């Protein structure tokens, strides 16, 4: 699938108006980062779940491209961090869900099943769930 930028009138104005909302998210993102890491480093060893390598999810490197403007480099740092933290949190939450539950959600109504549900028990399969206790 080819990616094409959307051309909008008044692009600079639109970006300027959106900037405080986008960059304002850095505070909750950093808070999430700190709290998820504390949980991850304490709970996973207690659960016997392998700790995930943070650098596999967070990559901040596009700002090193010489052809980018300073403004674009800042956006790239932000996006690399914000999207990396999001992916890292999904992995940690998914591993936690697998440990505690391992049952798929009911499908339908446009629900997008998470990738980590691939090996979960089917929704409503009581026999498979009861057999987990016997293993």
C-alpha atoms as a PDB file:
ATOM      1  CA  UNK A   1       0.000   0.000   0.000  1.00  0.00           C
ATOM      2  CA  UNK A   2       1.461   3.297  -1.060  1.00  0.00           C
ATOM      3  CA  UNK A   3       1.360   6.200   1.379  1.00  0.00           C
ATOM      4  CA  UNK A   4       0.478   9.632   0.069  1.00  0.00           C
ATOM      5  CA  UNK A   5       0.298  12.799   2.103  1.00  0.00           C
ATOM      6  CA  UNK A   6      -3.065  14.493   2.122  1.00  0.00           C
ATOM      7  CA  UNK A   7      -2.902  17.982   0.656  1.00  0.00           C
ATOM      8  CA  UNK A   8      -5.088  20.383   2.590  1.00  0.00           C
ATOM      9  CA  UNK A   9      -5.565  24.113   2.213  1.00  0.00           C
ATOM     10  CA  UNK A  10      -4.067  26.167   5.045  1.00  0.00           C
ATOM     11  CA  UNK A  11      -1.833  23.259   6.090  1.00  0.00           C
ATOM     12  CA  UNK A  12       0.495  25.403   8.209  1.00  0.00           C
ATOM     13  CA  UNK A  13      -2.415  27.009  10.032  1.00  0.00           C
ATOM     14  CA  UNK A  14      -3.992  23.615  10.710  1.00  0.00           C
ATOM     15  CA  UNK A  15      -0.701  22.235  12.035  1.00  0.00           C
ATOM     16  CA  UNK A  16      -0.163  25.287  14.235  1.00  0.00           C
ATOM     17  CA  UNK A  17      -3.645  24.951  15.725  1.00  0.00           C
ATOM     18  CA  UNK A  18      -3.160  21.226  16.383  1.00  0.00           C
ATOM     19  CA  UNK A  19       0.356  21.512  17.845  1.00  0.00           C
ATOM     20  CA  UNK A  20      -0.646  22.351  21.455  1.00  0.00           C
ATOM     21  CA  UNK A  21      -2.950  19.327  21.550  1.00  0.00           C
ATOM     22  CA  UNK A  22      -0.374  16.983  20.074  1.00  0.00           C
ATOM     23  CA  UNK A  23       2.540  18.192  22.194  1.00  0.00           C
ATOM     24  CA  UNK A  24       0.287  18.471  25.256  1.00  0.00           C
ATOM     25  CA  UNK A  25       0.020  14.693  25.122  1.00  0.00           C
ATOM     26  CA  UNK A  26       3.689  14.360  26.059  1.00  0.00           C
ATOM     27  CA  UNK A  27       2.855  14.694  29.778  1.00  0.00           C
ATOM     28  CA  UNK A  28       0.412  11.742  29.911  1.00  0.00           C
ATOM     29  CA  UNK A  29       2.665   9.725  27.577  1.00  0.00           C
ATOM     30  CA  UNK A  30       5.681  10.185  29.869  1.00  0.00           C
ATOM     31  CA  UNK A  31       3.505   9.385  32.908  1.00  0.00           C
ATOM     32  CA  UNK A  32       2.274   6.218  31.163  1.00  0.00           C
ATOM     33  CA  UNK A  33       5.865   5.338  30.261  1.00  0.00           C
ATOM     34  CA  UNK A  34       7.033   5.631  33.877  1.00  0.00           C
ATOM     35  CA  UNK A  35       4.103   3.765  35.410  1.00  0.00           C
ATOM     36  CA  UNK A  36       4.023   0.935  32.841  1.00  0.00           C
ATOM     37  CA  UNK A  37       7.759   0.416  33.285  1.00  0.00           C
ATOM     38  CA  UNK A  38       7.422   0.195  37.080  1.00  0.00           C
ATOM     39  CA  UNK A  39       4.606  -2.347  36.671  1.00  0.00           C
ATOM     40  CA  UNK A  40       6.521  -4.275  34.008  1.00  0.00           C
ATOM     41  CA  UNK A  41       9.749  -4.542  36.036  1.00  0.00           C
ATOM     42  CA  UNK A  42       8.008  -5.543  39.274  1.00  0.00           C
ATOM     43  CA  UNK A  43       5.045  -7.696  38.185  1.00  0.00           C
ATOM     44  CA  UNK A  44       6.509  -9.668  35.286  1.00  0.00           C
ATOM     45  CA  UNK A  45       9.256 -11.334  37.352  1.00  0.00           C
ATOM     46  CA  UNK A  46       6.637 -12.127  40.021  1.00  0.00           C
ATOM     47  CA  UNK A  47       4.371 -13.692  37.359  1.00  0.00           C
ATOM     48  CA  UNK A  48       7.269 -15.560  35.751  1.00  0.00           C
ATOM     49  CA  UNK A  49       6.724 -13.691  32.465  1.00  0.00           C
ATOM     50  CA  UNK A  50       9.871 -12.719  30.540  1.00  0.00           C
ATOM     51  CA  UNK A  51      10.546  -8.974  30.608  1.00  0.00           C
ATOM     52  CA  UNK A  52      10.193  -7.293  27.202  1.00  0.00           C
ATOM     53  CA  UNK A  53      13.150  -5.458  25.732  1.00  0.00           C
ATOM     54  CA  UNK A  54      12.158  -1.799  25.573  1.00  0.00           C
ATOM     55  CA  UNK A  55      14.416  -0.963  22.633  1.00  0.00           C
ATOM     56  CA  UNK A  56      12.548  -3.462  20.451  1.00  0.00           C
ATOM     57  CA  UNK A  57       9.539  -1.123  20.552  1.00  0.00           C
ATOM     58  CA  UNK A  58      10.907   2.412  20.882  1.00  0.00           C
ATOM     59  CA  UNK A  59      13.105   3.676  18.090  1.00  0.00           C
ATOM     60  CA  UNK A  60      14.121   7.312  17.850  1.00  0.00           C
ATOM     61  CA  UNK A  61      16.386   7.663  14.846  1.00  0.00           C
ATOM     62  CA  UNK A  62      14.732   9.633  12.044  1.00  0.00           C
ATOM     63  CA  UNK A  63      15.911  12.946  13.513  1.00  0.00           C
ATOM     64  CA  UNK A  64      19.398  11.985  12.308  1.00  0.00           C
ATOM     65  CA  UNK A  65      18.373  12.355   8.673  1.00  0.00           C
ATOM     66  CA  UNK A  66      20.224  15.376   7.336  1.00  0.00           C
ATOM     67  CA  UNK A  67      17.536  16.311   4.820  1.00  0.00           C
ATOM     68  CA  UNK A  68      14.908  17.031   7.484  1.00  0.00           C
ATOM     69  CA  UNK A  69      14.228  20.524   8.769  1.00  0.00           C
ATOM     70  CA  UNK A  70      14.627  21.127  12.513  1.00  0.00           C
ATOM     71  CA  UNK A  71      10.850  21.246  12.937  1.00  0.00           C
ATOM     72  CA  UNK A  72      10.479  17.905  11.159  1.00  0.00           C
ATOM     73  CA  UNK A  73      13.199  16.365  13.334  1.00  0.00           C
ATOM     74  CA  UNK A  74      11.262  17.367  16.457  1.00  0.00           C
ATOM     75  CA  UNK A  75       8.121  15.749  15.063  1.00  0.00           C
ATOM     76  CA  UNK A  76      10.115  12.595  14.296  1.00  0.00           C
ATOM     77  CA  UNK A  77      11.484  12.402  17.847  1.00  0.00           C
ATOM     78  CA  UNK A  78       7.991  12.855  19.252  1.00  0.00           C
ATOM     79  CA  UNK A  79       6.388  10.281  16.948  1.00  0.00           C
ATOM     80  CA  UNK A  80       9.132   7.708  17.463  1.00  0.00           C
ATOM     81  CA  UNK A  81       8.712   8.003  21.224  1.00  0.00           C
ATOM     82  CA  UNK A  82       4.886   8.225  21.348  1.00  0.00           C
ATOM     83  CA  UNK A  83       4.265   5.380  18.905  1.00  0.00           C
ATOM     84  CA  UNK A  84       7.031   3.285  20.445  1.00  0.00           C
ATOM     85  CA  UNK A  85       5.552   3.679  23.934  1.00  0.00           C
ATOM     86  CA  UNK A  86       2.145   2.751  22.544  1.00  0.00           C
ATOM     87  CA  UNK A  87       3.492  -0.457  20.971  1.00  0.00           C
ATOM     88  CA  UNK A  88       5.451  -1.275  24.139  1.00  0.00           C
ATOM     89  CA  UNK A  89       2.337  -0.811  26.302  1.00  0.00           C
ATOM     90  CA  UNK A  90       0.282  -3.018  23.979  1.00  0.00           C
ATOM     91  CA  UNK A  91       2.911  -5.757  24.319  1.00  0.00           C
ATOM     92  CA  UNK A  92       2.991  -5.495  28.118  1.00  0.00           C
ATOM     93  CA  UNK A  93      -0.812  -5.401  28.379  1.00  0.00           C
ATOM     94  CA  UNK A  94      -1.097  -8.335  25.960  1.00  0.00           C
ATOM     95  CA  UNK A  95       1.374 -10.442  27.939  1.00  0.00           C
ATOM     96  CA  UNK A  96      -0.530  -9.589  31.112  1.00  0.00           C
ATOM     97  CA  UNK A  97      -3.841 -10.531  29.500  1.00  0.00           C
ATOM     98  CA  UNK A  98      -2.371 -13.820  28.306  1.00  0.00           C
ATOM     99  CA  UNK A  99      -1.201 -14.603  31.845  1.00  0.00           C
ATOM    100  CA  UNK A 100      -4.500 -13.774  33.553  1.00  0.00           C
ATOM    101  CA  UNK A 101      -7.160 -14.697  31.005  1.00  0.00           C
ATOM    102  CA  UNK A 102      -6.310 -16.081  27.540  1.00  0.00           C
ATOM    103  CA  UNK A 103      -9.918 -15.972  26.338  1.00  0.00           C
ATOM    104  CA  UNK A 104     -10.782 -14.180  23.094  1.00  0.00           C
ATOM    105  CA  UNK A 105     -13.422 -11.469  23.088  1.00  0.00           C
ATOM    106  CA  UNK A 106     -16.703 -12.053  21.309  1.00  0.00           C
ATOM    107  CA  UNK A 107     -16.202 -11.276  17.631  1.00  0.00           C
ATOM    108  CA  UNK A 108     -18.369  -9.122  15.415  1.00  0.00           C
ATOM    109  CA  UNK A 109     -19.639  -5.540  15.351  1.00  0.00           C
ATOM    110  CA  UNK A 110     -16.389  -4.342  13.776  1.00  0.00           C
ATOM    111  CA  UNK A 111     -14.211  -5.461  16.707  1.00  0.00           C
ATOM    112  CA  UNK A 112     -10.574  -5.711  15.666  1.00  0.00           C
ATOM    113  CA  UNK A 113      -9.074  -8.683  17.452  1.00  0.00           C
ATOM    114  CA  UNK A 114      -5.623  -7.978  18.901  1.00  0.00           C
ATOM    115  CA  UNK A 115      -2.780  -9.945  17.328  1.00  0.00           C
ATOM    116  CA  UNK A 116      -1.862 -11.473  20.686  1.00  0.00           C
ATOM    117  CA  UNK A 117      -5.286 -13.184  20.854  1.00  0.00           C
ATOM    118  CA  UNK A 118      -4.184 -15.572  18.104  1.00  0.00           C
ATOM    119  CA  UNK A 119      -3.582 -18.406  20.573  1.00  0.00           C
ATOM    120  CA  UNK A 120      -6.267 -17.497  23.111  1.00  0.00           C
ATOM    121  CA  UNK A 121      -9.230 -19.755  23.855  1.00  0.00           C
ATOM    122  CA  UNK A 122     -12.364 -19.177  21.820  1.00  0.00           C
ATOM    123  CA  UNK A 123     -15.057 -17.032  23.380  1.00  0.00           C
ATOM    124  CA  UNK A 124     -17.619 -19.259  25.121  1.00  0.00           C
ATOM    125  CA  UNK A 125     -15.492 -22.452  25.056  1.00  0.00           C
ATOM    126  CA  UNK A 126     -16.090 -23.505  28.658  1.00  0.00           C
ATOM    127  CA  UNK A 127     -14.643 -26.992  28.132  1.00  0.00           C
ATOM    128  CA  UNK A 128     -11.278 -25.646  26.970  1.00  0.00           C
ATOM    129  CA  UNK A 129     -11.261 -23.189  29.879  1.00  0.00           C
ATOM    130  CA  UNK A 130     -12.014 -25.912  32.446  1.00  0.00           C
ATOM    131  CA  UNK A 131      -9.292 -28.087  30.930  1.00  0.00           C
ATOM    132  CA  UNK A 132      -6.729 -25.356  31.624  1.00  0.00           C
ATOM    133  CA  UNK A 133      -7.076 -26.078  35.350  1.00  0.00           C
ATOM    134  CA  UNK A 134      -6.285 -29.745  34.721  1.00  0.00           C
ATOM    135  CA  UNK A 135      -2.989 -29.040  32.974  1.00  0.00           C
END
